[in-house]
Amino acid sequence: MHDPNCIFCKIIAGDIPSSKVYEDEDMLVFKDIHPSAPVHLLMVPKRHIPSMAQVTAEDAPLLGRMMVKAPELARANGCNPYPEGGFRLMVNTGEEGGQEVHHLHIHILGGARPWRKG
C-alpha cells in the first residue's frame, strides 16, 4: 500500500531525496532532516502503515526485523557501544503521542549526551 500524499511514501518512491543509510525490500532507513540527537535515524516500513495503532499480527515479522536491525544501524552510524553508550528507540503514535507524519516510523536516537528529550 502506498499513500500518494504521504511524505515518507514519496521518500520511499524516490520522489523526495533523503540521506539513506539502509534499504531492503521492506524498509528504508534515513537520517532525520531535523535531528534531535547527534545520531537521529528514521526506520520506515515501505508499506504504508499509518501508525502503531494500525499494526496487526501480520506486521510482526517486519517489526521484529526492524528491532533486530536497529542496534546494527545505531552502531554503524555513530552510537557508542552498550553499556556506556547506547541509543533510544521511539515510536510516536497519534496526535496526542506526538506523531507528525502519519506513516509508521521508528526513531533511532543516540550519540553523546546531552541532547533534547522528545
C-alpha atoms as a PDB file:
ATOM      1  CA  MET A   1       0.000   0.000   0.000  1.00  0.00           C
ATOM      2  CA  HIS A   2       1.222   3.486  -0.879  1.00  0.00           C
ATOM      3  CA  ASP A   3      -0.300   6.861   0.055  1.00  0.00           C
ATOM      4  CA  PRO A   4       0.408   9.459  -2.670  1.00  0.00           C
ATOM      5  CA  ASN A   5       0.037  12.293  -0.121  1.00  0.00           C
ATOM      6  CA  CYS A   6       2.462  10.818   2.448  1.00  0.00           C
ATOM      7  CA  ILE A   7       5.924  12.406   2.627  1.00  0.00           C
ATOM      8  CA  PHE A   8       7.519   9.109   3.696  1.00  0.00           C
ATOM      9  CA  CYS A   9       5.864   7.261   0.798  1.00  0.00           C
ATOM     10  CA  LYS A  10       7.326   9.924  -1.510  1.00  0.00           C
ATOM     11  CA  ILE A  11      10.783   9.432   0.040  1.00  0.00           C
ATOM     12  CA  ILE A  12      10.449   5.645  -0.373  1.00  0.00           C
ATOM     13  CA  ALA A  13       9.450   6.130  -4.034  1.00  0.00           C
ATOM     14  CA  GLY A  14      12.493   8.371  -4.595  1.00  0.00           C
ATOM     15  CA  ASP A  15      10.356  11.434  -5.362  1.00  0.00           C
ATOM     16  CA  ILE A  16      11.921  13.309  -2.416  1.00  0.00           C
ATOM     17  CA  PRO A  17      15.641  12.917  -1.696  1.00  0.00           C
ATOM     18  CA  SER A  18      16.889  11.540   1.609  1.00  0.00           C
ATOM     19  CA  SER A  19      20.181  10.678   3.283  1.00  0.00           C
ATOM     20  CA  LYS A  20      19.678   6.929   3.039  1.00  0.00           C
ATOM     21  CA  VAL A  21      21.699   4.729   5.396  1.00  0.00           C
ATOM     22  CA  TYR A  22      19.991   1.365   4.747  1.00  0.00           C
ATOM     23  CA  GLU A  23      17.394  -0.139   2.444  1.00  0.00           C
ATOM     24  CA  ASP A  24      15.993  -3.585   1.799  1.00  0.00           C
ATOM     25  CA  GLU A  25      12.782  -4.914   0.261  1.00  0.00           C
ATOM     26  CA  ASP A  26      10.672  -3.990   3.311  1.00  0.00           C
ATOM     27  CA  MET A  27      12.210  -0.904   4.940  1.00  0.00           C
ATOM     28  CA  LEU A  28      14.107   2.299   4.320  1.00  0.00           C
ATOM     29  CA  VAL A  29      16.299   3.994   6.933  1.00  0.00           C
ATOM     30  CA  PHE A  30      17.452   7.572   6.521  1.00  0.00           C
ATOM     31  CA  LYS A  31      18.805  10.494   8.539  1.00  0.00           C
ATOM     32  CA  ASP A  32      16.242  12.846  10.081  1.00  0.00           C
ATOM     33  CA  ILE A  33      16.448  16.305   8.490  1.00  0.00           C
ATOM     34  CA  HIS A  34      15.797  17.939  11.890  1.00  0.00           C
ATOM     35  CA  PRO A  35      17.863  15.748  14.248  1.00  0.00           C
ATOM     36  CA  SER A  36      17.143  15.756  17.976  1.00  0.00           C
ATOM     37  CA  ALA A  37      20.419  13.974  18.799  1.00  0.00           C
ATOM     38  CA  PRO A  38      23.862  13.518  17.226  1.00  0.00           C
ATOM     39  CA  VAL A  39      22.524  10.291  15.689  1.00  0.00           C
ATOM     40  CA  HIS A  40      18.888  10.525  14.560  1.00  0.00           C
ATOM     41  CA  LEU A  41      17.673   7.976  12.035  1.00  0.00           C
ATOM     42  CA  LEU A  42      14.168   7.115  10.867  1.00  0.00           C
ATOM     43  CA  MET A  43      13.286   3.478  10.135  1.00  0.00           C
ATOM     44  CA  VAL A  44      10.287   3.390   7.806  1.00  0.00           C
ATOM     45  CA  PRO A  45       8.435   0.339   6.500  1.00  0.00           C
ATOM     46  CA  LYS A  46       7.963   0.580   2.747  1.00  0.00           C
ATOM     47  CA  ARG A  47       4.333  -0.461   3.104  1.00  0.00           C
ATOM     48  CA  HIS A  48       2.221   2.472   4.265  1.00  0.00           C
ATOM     49  CA  ILE A  49       1.026   1.753   7.805  1.00  0.00           C
ATOM     50  CA  PRO A  50      -0.430   4.967   9.296  1.00  0.00           C
ATOM     51  CA  SER A  51       0.699   4.344  12.885  1.00  0.00           C
ATOM     52  CA  MET A  52       1.433   1.750  15.546  1.00  0.00           C
ATOM     53  CA  ALA A  53      -2.325   1.778  16.248  1.00  0.00           C
ATOM     54  CA  GLN A  54      -2.914   0.090  12.856  1.00  0.00           C
ATOM     55  CA  VAL A  55      -0.296  -2.654  13.268  1.00  0.00           C
ATOM     56  CA  THR A  56      -1.649  -6.212  13.011  1.00  0.00           C
ATOM     57  CA  ALA A  57      -0.243  -9.659  13.749  1.00  0.00           C
ATOM     58  CA  GLU A  58       0.760  -9.836  10.070  1.00  0.00           C
ATOM     59  CA  ASP A  59       3.218  -6.991  10.713  1.00  0.00           C
ATOM     60  CA  ALA A  60       5.062  -8.862  13.494  1.00  0.00           C
ATOM     61  CA  PRO A  61       7.814 -10.325  11.255  1.00  0.00           C
ATOM     62  CA  LEU A  62       8.589  -6.904   9.750  1.00  0.00           C
ATOM     63  CA  LEU A  63       8.603  -5.139  13.120  1.00  0.00           C
ATOM     64  CA  GLY A  64      10.798  -7.880  14.557  1.00  0.00           C
ATOM     65  CA  ARG A  65      13.296  -7.439  11.724  1.00  0.00           C
ATOM     66  CA  MET A  66      13.288  -3.690  12.321  1.00  0.00           C
ATOM     67  CA  MET A  67      14.031  -4.192  16.035  1.00  0.00           C
ATOM     68  CA  VAL A  68      16.899  -6.561  15.219  1.00  0.00           C
ATOM     69  CA  LYS A  69      18.328  -4.143  12.625  1.00  0.00           C
ATOM     70  CA  ALA A  70      18.162  -1.081  14.909  1.00  0.00           C
ATOM     71  CA  PRO A  71      21.241  -1.859  17.079  1.00  0.00           C
ATOM     72  CA  GLU A  72      23.358  -2.568  13.986  1.00  0.00           C
ATOM     73  CA  LEU A  73      22.300   0.728  12.390  1.00  0.00           C
ATOM     74  CA  ALA A  74      22.823   2.655  15.636  1.00  0.00           C
ATOM     75  CA  ARG A  75      26.412   1.383  15.934  1.00  0.00           C
ATOM     76  CA  ALA A  76      27.172   1.860  12.233  1.00  0.00           C
ATOM     77  CA  ASN A  77      26.000   5.480  12.384  1.00  0.00           C
ATOM     78  CA  GLY A  78      27.932   6.644  15.414  1.00  0.00           C
ATOM     79  CA  CYS A  79      26.265   5.410  18.596  1.00  0.00           C
ATOM     80  CA  ASN A  80      28.767   4.215  21.169  1.00  0.00           C
ATOM     81  CA  PRO A  81      28.585   0.565  22.302  1.00  0.00           C
ATOM     82  CA  TYR A  82      26.419  -0.633  25.173  1.00  0.00           C
ATOM     83  CA  PRO A  83      26.531  -0.280  28.169  1.00  0.00           C
ATOM     84  CA  GLU A  84      28.422   3.042  28.359  1.00  0.00           C
ATOM     85  CA  GLY A  85      26.975   4.179  25.063  1.00  0.00           C
ATOM     86  CA  GLY A  86      23.611   3.149  23.699  1.00  0.00           C
ATOM     87  CA  PHE A  87      20.632   4.553  21.848  1.00  0.00           C
ATOM     88  CA  ARG A  88      16.912   5.189  22.199  1.00  0.00           C
ATOM     89  CA  LEU A  89      14.120   3.790  20.022  1.00  0.00           C
ATOM     90  CA  MET A  90      10.946   5.839  19.886  1.00  0.00           C
ATOM     91  CA  VAL A  91       7.611   5.408  18.111  1.00  0.00           C
ATOM     92  CA  ASN A  92       5.136   8.275  18.337  1.00  0.00           C
ATOM     93  CA  THR A  93       1.516   7.230  17.791  1.00  0.00           C
ATOM     94  CA  GLY A  94      -1.332   9.624  17.025  1.00  0.00           C
ATOM     95  CA  GLU A  95      -1.672  13.330  17.693  1.00  0.00           C
ATOM     96  CA  GLU A  96      -1.515  13.001  21.476  1.00  0.00           C
ATOM     97  CA  GLY A  97       1.511  10.717  21.115  1.00  0.00           C
ATOM     98  CA  GLY A  98       3.419  13.361  19.156  1.00  0.00           C
ATOM     99  CA  GLN A  99       3.166  11.734  15.725  1.00  0.00           C
ATOM    100  CA  GLU A 100       3.718  14.331  12.999  1.00  0.00           C
ATOM    101  CA  VAL A 101       3.963  12.104   9.913  1.00  0.00           C
ATOM    102  CA  HIS A 102       1.201   9.517   9.725  1.00  0.00           C
ATOM    103  CA  HIS A 103       3.344   6.693   8.356  1.00  0.00           C
ATOM    104  CA  LEU A 104       4.721   4.334  10.994  1.00  0.00           C
ATOM    105  CA  HIS A 105       8.361   5.118  11.719  1.00  0.00           C
ATOM    106  CA  ILE A 106      10.872   4.291  14.415  1.00  0.00           C
ATOM    107  CA  HIS A 107      13.299   6.949  15.583  1.00  0.00           C
ATOM    108  CA  ILE A 108      16.814   5.761  16.437  1.00  0.00           C
ATOM    109  CA  LEU A 109      18.389   8.432  18.659  1.00  0.00           C
ATOM    110  CA  GLY A 110      21.833   8.384  20.181  1.00  0.00           C
ATOM    111  CA  GLY A 111      25.282   9.803  20.482  1.00  0.00           C
ATOM    112  CA  ALA A 112      26.992  11.712  23.245  1.00  0.00           C
ATOM    113  CA  ARG A 113      24.534  13.464  25.548  1.00  0.00           C
ATOM    114  CA  PRO A 114      23.117  15.912  26.430  1.00  0.00           C
ATOM    115  CA  TRP A 115      20.533  16.164  23.712  1.00  0.00           C
ATOM    116  CA  ARG A 116      16.920  17.207  23.720  1.00  0.00           C
ATOM    117  CA  LYS A 117      14.372  14.892  25.205  1.00  0.00           C
ATOM    118  CA  GLY A 118      11.493  14.050  22.915  1.00  0.00           C
END
